[in-house]
């Protein structure tokens, strides 16, 4: 089987259509790992229609379902062959089996995902990014801006940078302090999910994802970041 990891599409020299065409030419099935590639919701069918024999999505990530679950879509014979490797048949995948509760949880997550107002959800996530960015705007040497990754995790994130000469805290130190505080806050590294972006050598930075925050937690993140960088 030819394995294609979708998140690296912008870096690759072989596009999806070529990958599928080569597989079909040589009679080799093609598999697209699109774990984090929703939204938009059209992606749930786009890659199968493109010709991939199997496509997988994480049940967590964009679908916001159980983290231990996932969707496997595509050719029925291959999906059934994969199913035979797991519970209850006792195949090699039994040790990683998904429970009935996770299956129903994922079904509920997919049904929810297909019904929600994705534009409203995007506006909500953007408002969280804006809240954090606004709290940092007055700190000299700090740059905070919104960005949306091109492929995976295609929702608003916060890209945060600061001038190390003004604020002598490294990316690793900032990440560690946030993680060790109360409550612990987990962030991404400098230019995480922005592989092609370049910054001057004196700039340190973090990436903040607001996707999994609950109402009001964006203000907690904002206060902690402000305390860290202004202090």
C-alpha atoms as a PDB file:
ATOM      1  CA  UNK A   1       0.000   0.000   0.000  1.00  0.00           C
ATOM      2  CA  UNK A   2       1.204   3.547  -0.776  1.00  0.00           C
ATOM      3  CA  UNK A   3       1.010   5.695   2.372  1.00  0.00           C
ATOM      4  CA  UNK A   4       0.396   9.447   1.986  1.00  0.00           C
ATOM      5  CA  UNK A   5       0.476  11.758   5.029  1.00  0.00           C
ATOM      6  CA  UNK A   6      -1.768  14.670   4.215  1.00  0.00           C
ATOM      7  CA  UNK A   7      -0.344  17.306   6.559  1.00  0.00           C
ATOM      8  CA  UNK A   8       2.920  17.362   4.567  1.00  0.00           C
ATOM      9  CA  UNK A   9       1.175  18.210   1.279  1.00  0.00           C
ATOM     10  CA  UNK A  10       2.662  21.766   1.100  1.00  0.00           C
ATOM     11  CA  UNK A  11       6.209  20.352   1.497  1.00  0.00           C
ATOM     12  CA  UNK A  12       5.907  17.384  -0.850  1.00  0.00           C
ATOM     13  CA  UNK A  13       7.028  17.077  -4.455  1.00  0.00           C
ATOM     14  CA  UNK A  14       4.259  14.584  -5.340  1.00  0.00           C
ATOM     15  CA  UNK A  15       0.680  15.834  -5.090  1.00  0.00           C
ATOM     16  CA  UNK A  16      -2.336  13.748  -4.100  1.00  0.00           C
ATOM     17  CA  UNK A  17      -3.629  13.212  -7.639  1.00  0.00           C
ATOM     18  CA  UNK A  18      -0.240  11.951  -8.848  1.00  0.00           C
ATOM     19  CA  UNK A  19       0.010   9.634  -5.837  1.00  0.00           C
ATOM     20  CA  UNK A  20      -3.386   8.106  -6.630  1.00  0.00           C
ATOM     21  CA  UNK A  21      -2.585   7.816 -10.339  1.00  0.00           C
ATOM     22  CA  UNK A  22       0.692   5.989  -9.702  1.00  0.00           C
ATOM     23  CA  UNK A  23      -1.037   3.584  -7.328  1.00  0.00           C
ATOM     24  CA  UNK A  24      -3.764   2.786  -9.843  1.00  0.00           C
ATOM     25  CA  UNK A  25      -1.218   2.355 -12.649  1.00  0.00           C
ATOM     26  CA  UNK A  26       0.673  -0.300 -10.694  1.00  0.00           C
ATOM     27  CA  UNK A  27      -2.313  -1.867  -8.937  1.00  0.00           C
ATOM     28  CA  UNK A  28      -1.175  -0.761  -5.469  1.00  0.00           C
ATOM     29  CA  UNK A  29      -3.829   0.606  -3.043  1.00  0.00           C
ATOM     30  CA  UNK A  30      -3.316   4.153  -1.760  1.00  0.00           C
ATOM     31  CA  UNK A  31      -3.871   5.316   1.825  1.00  0.00           C
ATOM     32  CA  UNK A  32      -4.265   8.957   2.922  1.00  0.00           C
ATOM     33  CA  UNK A  33      -3.609   9.763   6.578  1.00  0.00           C
ATOM     34  CA  UNK A  34      -5.758  12.893   6.913  1.00  0.00           C
ATOM     35  CA  UNK A  35      -6.028  12.697  10.710  1.00  0.00           C
ATOM     36  CA  UNK A  36      -6.407  16.416  11.437  1.00  0.00           C
ATOM     37  CA  UNK A  37      -7.771  17.570   8.080  1.00  0.00           C
ATOM     38  CA  UNK A  38     -11.250  18.687   9.141  1.00  0.00           C
ATOM     39  CA  UNK A  39     -12.577  21.360   8.905  1.00  0.00           C
ATOM     40  CA  UNK A  40     -13.794  21.905   6.245  1.00  0.00           C
ATOM     41  CA  UNK A  41     -16.333  19.099   6.460  1.00  0.00           C
ATOM     42  CA  UNK A  42     -16.098  18.396   2.710  1.00  0.00           C
ATOM     43  CA  UNK A  43     -12.752  16.720   3.397  1.00  0.00           C
ATOM     44  CA  UNK A  44     -14.640  13.751   4.879  1.00  0.00           C
ATOM     45  CA  UNK A  45     -15.549  12.684   1.323  1.00  0.00           C
ATOM     46  CA  UNK A  46     -13.124  14.653  -0.878  1.00  0.00           C
ATOM     47  CA  UNK A  47     -10.153  12.273  -0.724  1.00  0.00           C
ATOM     48  CA  UNK A  48     -12.221   9.141  -1.318  1.00  0.00           C
ATOM     49  CA  UNK A  49     -13.812  10.820  -4.347  1.00  0.00           C
ATOM     50  CA  UNK A  50     -10.290  11.771  -5.466  1.00  0.00           C
ATOM     51  CA  UNK A  51      -9.501   8.070  -5.728  1.00  0.00           C
ATOM     52  CA  UNK A  52      -7.679   7.116  -2.511  1.00  0.00           C
ATOM     53  CA  UNK A  53      -8.538   3.532  -1.576  1.00  0.00           C
ATOM     54  CA  UNK A  54      -8.425   4.270   2.154  1.00  0.00           C
ATOM     55  CA  UNK A  55      -8.638   7.540   4.089  1.00  0.00           C
ATOM     56  CA  UNK A  56      -8.415   7.941   7.850  1.00  0.00           C
ATOM     57  CA  UNK A  57      -9.445  10.779  10.174  1.00  0.00           C
ATOM     58  CA  UNK A  58      -8.851  11.077  13.899  1.00  0.00           C
ATOM     59  CA  UNK A  59     -11.966  10.750  16.026  1.00  0.00           C
ATOM     60  CA  UNK A  60     -10.467  13.439  18.216  1.00  0.00           C
ATOM     61  CA  UNK A  61      -8.877  16.563  16.722  1.00  0.00           C
ATOM     62  CA  UNK A  62     -11.354  18.372  14.458  1.00  0.00           C
ATOM     63  CA  UNK A  63     -14.261  16.008  15.036  1.00  0.00           C
ATOM     64  CA  UNK A  64     -13.950  16.598  18.799  1.00  0.00           C
ATOM     65  CA  UNK A  65     -14.886  12.965  19.479  1.00  0.00           C
ATOM     66  CA  UNK A  66     -13.111  10.332  21.605  1.00  0.00           C
ATOM     67  CA  UNK A  67      -9.315  10.503  21.218  1.00  0.00           C
ATOM     68  CA  UNK A  68      -9.054   6.705  21.058  1.00  0.00           C
ATOM     69  CA  UNK A  69     -11.312   6.463  18.006  1.00  0.00           C
ATOM     70  CA  UNK A  70     -11.014   7.171  14.294  1.00  0.00           C
ATOM     71  CA  UNK A  71     -12.725   6.906  10.923  1.00  0.00           C
ATOM     72  CA  UNK A  72     -11.497   4.551   8.183  1.00  0.00           C
ATOM     73  CA  UNK A  73     -13.203   5.326   4.876  1.00  0.00           C
ATOM     74  CA  UNK A  74     -12.887   3.974   1.350  1.00  0.00           C
ATOM     75  CA  UNK A  75     -12.973   0.595  -0.399  1.00  0.00           C
ATOM     76  CA  UNK A  76     -15.316  -1.765   1.410  1.00  0.00           C
ATOM     77  CA  UNK A  77     -13.067  -4.824   0.981  1.00  0.00           C
ATOM     78  CA  UNK A  78     -10.083  -3.017   2.519  1.00  0.00           C
ATOM     79  CA  UNK A  79     -12.140  -1.562   5.375  1.00  0.00           C
ATOM     80  CA  UNK A  80     -13.496  -5.032   6.153  1.00  0.00           C
ATOM     81  CA  UNK A  81      -9.983  -6.500   5.987  1.00  0.00           C
ATOM     82  CA  UNK A  82      -8.825  -3.901   8.518  1.00  0.00           C
ATOM     83  CA  UNK A  83     -11.820  -4.682  10.701  1.00  0.00           C
ATOM     84  CA  UNK A  84     -10.849  -8.363  10.773  1.00  0.00           C
ATOM     85  CA  UNK A  85      -7.511  -7.398  12.357  1.00  0.00           C
ATOM     86  CA  UNK A  86      -9.184  -6.025  15.478  1.00  0.00           C
ATOM     87  CA  UNK A  87     -11.712  -6.924  18.146  1.00  0.00           C
ATOM     88  CA  UNK A  88     -13.682  -9.161  18.415  1.00  0.00           C
ATOM     89  CA  UNK A  89     -11.845 -11.417  15.957  1.00  0.00           C
ATOM     90  CA  UNK A  90      -8.592 -11.434  17.931  1.00  0.00           C
ATOM     91  CA  UNK A  91      -6.282 -10.107  15.202  1.00  0.00           C
ATOM     92  CA  UNK A  92      -3.105  -8.098  15.639  1.00  0.00           C
ATOM     93  CA  UNK A  93      -5.118  -4.962  16.427  1.00  0.00           C
ATOM     94  CA  UNK A  94      -7.044  -6.437  19.364  1.00  0.00           C
ATOM     95  CA  UNK A  95      -4.633  -4.874  21.850  1.00  0.00           C
ATOM     96  CA  UNK A  96      -5.529  -1.418  20.450  1.00  0.00           C
ATOM     97  CA  UNK A  97      -9.261  -2.108  20.204  1.00  0.00           C
ATOM     98  CA  UNK A  98     -11.814   0.673  20.358  1.00  0.00           C
ATOM     99  CA  UNK A  99     -14.589   0.149  22.902  1.00  0.00           C
ATOM    100  CA  UNK A 100     -18.295   0.311  22.171  1.00  0.00           C
ATOM    101  CA  UNK A 101     -18.530   3.553  24.122  1.00  0.00           C
ATOM    102  CA  UNK A 102     -15.919   5.219  21.882  1.00  0.00           C
ATOM    103  CA  UNK A 103     -17.685   3.972  18.753  1.00  0.00           C
ATOM    104  CA  UNK A 104     -20.977   5.532  19.833  1.00  0.00           C
ATOM    105  CA  UNK A 105     -19.109   8.662  20.958  1.00  0.00           C
ATOM    106  CA  UNK A 106     -17.522   8.991  17.523  1.00  0.00           C
ATOM    107  CA  UNK A 107     -20.863   8.455  15.788  1.00  0.00           C
ATOM    108  CA  UNK A 108     -22.340  11.255  17.908  1.00  0.00           C
ATOM    109  CA  UNK A 109     -19.328  13.465  17.112  1.00  0.00           C
ATOM    110  CA  UNK A 110     -19.702  12.933  13.347  1.00  0.00           C
ATOM    111  CA  UNK A 111     -23.447  13.620  13.472  1.00  0.00           C
ATOM    112  CA  UNK A 112     -22.781  16.806  15.454  1.00  0.00           C
ATOM    113  CA  UNK A 113     -19.994  17.858  13.102  1.00  0.00           C
ATOM    114  CA  UNK A 114     -22.179  17.596  10.019  1.00  0.00           C
ATOM    115  CA  UNK A 115     -24.914  19.744  11.591  1.00  0.00           C
ATOM    116  CA  UNK A 116     -23.068  22.597  13.292  1.00  0.00           C
ATOM    117  CA  UNK A 117     -22.550  26.079  11.896  1.00  0.00           C
ATOM    118  CA  UNK A 118     -18.858  25.960  10.999  1.00  0.00           C
ATOM    119  CA  UNK A 119     -18.676  29.673  10.266  1.00  0.00           C
ATOM    120  CA  UNK A 120     -20.024  30.448  13.738  1.00  0.00           C
ATOM    121  CA  UNK A 121     -17.474  28.068  15.262  1.00  0.00           C
ATOM    122  CA  UNK A 122     -14.691  29.772  13.322  1.00  0.00           C
ATOM    123  CA  UNK A 123     -15.847  33.177  14.600  1.00  0.00           C
ATOM    124  CA  UNK A 124     -15.794  31.819  18.166  1.00  0.00           C
ATOM    125  CA  UNK A 125     -12.229  30.544  17.783  1.00  0.00           C
ATOM    126  CA  UNK A 126     -11.158  33.830  16.193  1.00  0.00           C
ATOM    127  CA  UNK A 127     -12.626  35.752  19.129  1.00  0.00           C
ATOM    128  CA  UNK A 128     -10.496  33.681  21.518  1.00  0.00           C
ATOM    129  CA  UNK A 129      -7.364  34.412  19.491  1.00  0.00           C
ATOM    130  CA  UNK A 130      -8.281  38.102  19.422  1.00  0.00           C
ATOM    131  CA  UNK A 131      -8.772  38.146  23.208  1.00  0.00           C
ATOM    132  CA  UNK A 132      -5.285  36.778  23.825  1.00  0.00           C
ATOM    133  CA  UNK A 133      -3.643  38.992  21.191  1.00  0.00           C
ATOM    134  CA  UNK A 134      -5.323  42.126  22.575  1.00  0.00           C
ATOM    135  CA  UNK A 135      -4.039  41.426  26.083  1.00  0.00           C
ATOM    136  CA  UNK A 136      -0.451  41.349  24.783  1.00  0.00           C
ATOM    137  CA  UNK A 137      -0.654  44.325  22.424  1.00  0.00           C
ATOM    138  CA  UNK A 138       0.743  46.840  24.896  1.00  0.00           C
ATOM    139  CA  UNK A 139       3.904  44.880  25.768  1.00  0.00           C
ATOM    140  CA  UNK A 140       6.989  46.319  23.978  1.00  0.00           C
ATOM    141  CA  UNK A 141       8.778  43.790  21.782  1.00  0.00           C
ATOM    142  CA  UNK A 142       5.816  41.396  21.515  1.00  0.00           C
ATOM    143  CA  UNK A 143       4.063  40.480  18.258  1.00  0.00           C
ATOM    144  CA  UNK A 144       0.850  38.469  18.367  1.00  0.00           C
ATOM    145  CA  UNK A 145      -1.150  37.637  15.262  1.00  0.00           C
ATOM    146  CA  UNK A 146      -3.746  35.165  14.029  1.00  0.00           C
ATOM    147  CA  UNK A 147      -3.017  32.506  11.421  1.00  0.00           C
ATOM    148  CA  UNK A 148      -4.828  29.494   9.942  1.00  0.00           C
ATOM    149  CA  UNK A 149      -2.730  26.430   8.943  1.00  0.00           C
ATOM    150  CA  UNK A 150      -3.020  25.540   5.270  1.00  0.00           C
ATOM    151  CA  UNK A 151      -3.910  21.860   5.677  1.00  0.00           C
ATOM    152  CA  UNK A 152      -4.317  20.203   9.083  1.00  0.00           C
ATOM    153  CA  UNK A 153      -5.942  22.013  12.032  1.00  0.00           C
ATOM    154  CA  UNK A 154      -7.476  24.518   9.613  1.00  0.00           C
ATOM    155  CA  UNK A 155      -8.815  26.953  12.234  1.00  0.00           C
ATOM    156  CA  UNK A 156      -7.519  30.211  13.784  1.00  0.00           C
ATOM    157  CA  UNK A 157      -4.401  29.935  15.969  1.00  0.00           C
ATOM    158  CA  UNK A 158      -2.235  32.564  17.673  1.00  0.00           C
ATOM    159  CA  UNK A 159       1.358  33.059  16.541  1.00  0.00           C
ATOM    160  CA  UNK A 160       3.278  34.786  19.338  1.00  0.00           C
ATOM    161  CA  UNK A 161       6.801  36.217  19.065  1.00  0.00           C
ATOM    162  CA  UNK A 162       8.948  38.421  21.279  1.00  0.00           C
ATOM    163  CA  UNK A 163      12.312  40.148  21.000  1.00  0.00           C
ATOM    164  CA  UNK A 164      14.773  38.250  23.211  1.00  0.00           C
ATOM    165  CA  UNK A 165      16.880  41.383  23.698  1.00  0.00           C
ATOM    166  CA  UNK A 166      13.887  43.072  25.374  1.00  0.00           C
ATOM    167  CA  UNK A 167      12.377  39.990  26.992  1.00  0.00           C
ATOM    168  CA  UNK A 168      15.186  37.511  27.821  1.00  0.00           C
ATOM    169  CA  UNK A 169      13.061  34.362  27.947  1.00  0.00           C
ATOM    170  CA  UNK A 170      13.643  31.511  25.504  1.00  0.00           C
ATOM    171  CA  UNK A 171      10.850  29.571  23.829  1.00  0.00           C
ATOM    172  CA  UNK A 172      11.681  26.519  25.960  1.00  0.00           C
ATOM    173  CA  UNK A 173      11.680  28.530  29.192  1.00  0.00           C
ATOM    174  CA  UNK A 174       8.328  30.135  28.388  1.00  0.00           C
ATOM    175  CA  UNK A 175       6.781  26.793  27.503  1.00  0.00           C
ATOM    176  CA  UNK A 176       8.114  25.249  30.706  1.00  0.00           C
ATOM    177  CA  UNK A 177       6.797  28.034  32.953  1.00  0.00           C
ATOM    178  CA  UNK A 178       3.348  27.806  31.391  1.00  0.00           C
ATOM    179  CA  UNK A 179       3.293  24.037  31.816  1.00  0.00           C
ATOM    180  CA  UNK A 180       4.430  24.203  35.450  1.00  0.00           C
ATOM    181  CA  UNK A 181       1.939  26.901  36.478  1.00  0.00           C
ATOM    182  CA  UNK A 182      -1.579  26.545  37.813  1.00  0.00           C
ATOM    183  CA  UNK A 183      -3.457  25.584  35.808  1.00  0.00           C
ATOM    184  CA  UNK A 184      -0.866  23.974  33.497  1.00  0.00           C
ATOM    185  CA  UNK A 185      -1.007  25.395  29.958  1.00  0.00           C
ATOM    186  CA  UNK A 186       0.350  23.404  27.011  1.00  0.00           C
ATOM    187  CA  UNK A 187       1.447  25.350  23.919  1.00  0.00           C
ATOM    188  CA  UNK A 188       3.193  24.642  20.631  1.00  0.00           C
ATOM    189  CA  UNK A 189       6.690  25.735  19.691  1.00  0.00           C
ATOM    190  CA  UNK A 190       7.882  28.664  17.613  1.00  0.00           C
ATOM    191  CA  UNK A 191       6.187  28.551  14.188  1.00  0.00           C
ATOM    192  CA  UNK A 192       4.523  25.244  15.025  1.00  0.00           C
ATOM    193  CA  UNK A 193       2.322  24.428  12.000  1.00  0.00           C
ATOM    194  CA  UNK A 194       3.997  27.297  10.074  1.00  0.00           C
ATOM    195  CA  UNK A 195       6.945  25.395   8.571  1.00  0.00           C
ATOM    196  CA  UNK A 196       7.789  27.986   5.909  1.00  0.00           C
ATOM    197  CA  UNK A 197       7.752  31.080   8.096  1.00  0.00           C
ATOM    198  CA  UNK A 198      11.069  32.775   8.905  1.00  0.00           C
ATOM    199  CA  UNK A 199      11.869  35.173  11.762  1.00  0.00           C
ATOM    200  CA  UNK A 200      14.965  37.175  12.785  1.00  0.00           C
ATOM    201  CA  UNK A 201      17.410  35.298  15.016  1.00  0.00           C
ATOM    202  CA  UNK A 202      16.583  37.480  18.020  1.00  0.00           C
ATOM    203  CA  UNK A 203      12.924  36.446  18.030  1.00  0.00           C
ATOM    204  CA  UNK A 204      11.545  33.747  20.320  1.00  0.00           C
ATOM    205  CA  UNK A 205       7.980  32.504  20.099  1.00  0.00           C
ATOM    206  CA  UNK A 206       5.095  30.166  20.829  1.00  0.00           C
ATOM    207  CA  UNK A 207       1.994  28.922  19.049  1.00  0.00           C
ATOM    208  CA  UNK A 208      -1.288  28.906  20.948  1.00  0.00           C
ATOM    209  CA  UNK A 209      -4.169  26.684  19.856  1.00  0.00           C
ATOM    210  CA  UNK A 210      -7.566  27.794  21.178  1.00  0.00           C
ATOM    211  CA  UNK A 211      -9.566  24.889  19.731  1.00  0.00           C
ATOM    212  CA  UNK A 212      -9.936  22.830  22.894  1.00  0.00           C
ATOM    213  CA  UNK A 213     -10.460  25.677  25.354  1.00  0.00           C
ATOM    214  CA  UNK A 214     -13.681  25.917  27.297  1.00  0.00           C
ATOM    215  CA  UNK A 215     -15.593  29.199  27.668  1.00  0.00           C
ATOM    216  CA  UNK A 216     -13.543  31.735  29.605  1.00  0.00           C
ATOM    217  CA  UNK A 217     -10.270  29.800  29.447  1.00  0.00           C
ATOM    218  CA  UNK A 218      -8.943  32.105  26.724  1.00  0.00           C
ATOM    219  CA  UNK A 219      -8.846  34.872  29.338  1.00  0.00           C
ATOM    220  CA  UNK A 220      -6.830  32.644  31.681  1.00  0.00           C
ATOM    221  CA  UNK A 221      -4.319  31.954  28.914  1.00  0.00           C
ATOM    222  CA  UNK A 222      -4.184  35.672  28.097  1.00  0.00           C
ATOM    223  CA  UNK A 223      -3.487  36.641  31.715  1.00  0.00           C
ATOM    224  CA  UNK A 224      -0.748  34.033  32.115  1.00  0.00           C
ATOM    225  CA  UNK A 225       1.001  35.022  28.895  1.00  0.00           C
ATOM    226  CA  UNK A 226       0.811  38.695  29.812  1.00  0.00           C
ATOM    227  CA  UNK A 227       2.251  38.027  33.261  1.00  0.00           C
ATOM    228  CA  UNK A 228       5.046  35.955  31.766  1.00  0.00           C
ATOM    229  CA  UNK A 229       6.096  38.406  29.055  1.00  0.00           C
ATOM    230  CA  UNK A 230       5.430  41.693  30.873  1.00  0.00           C
ATOM    231  CA  UNK A 231       7.123  40.532  34.061  1.00  0.00           C
END
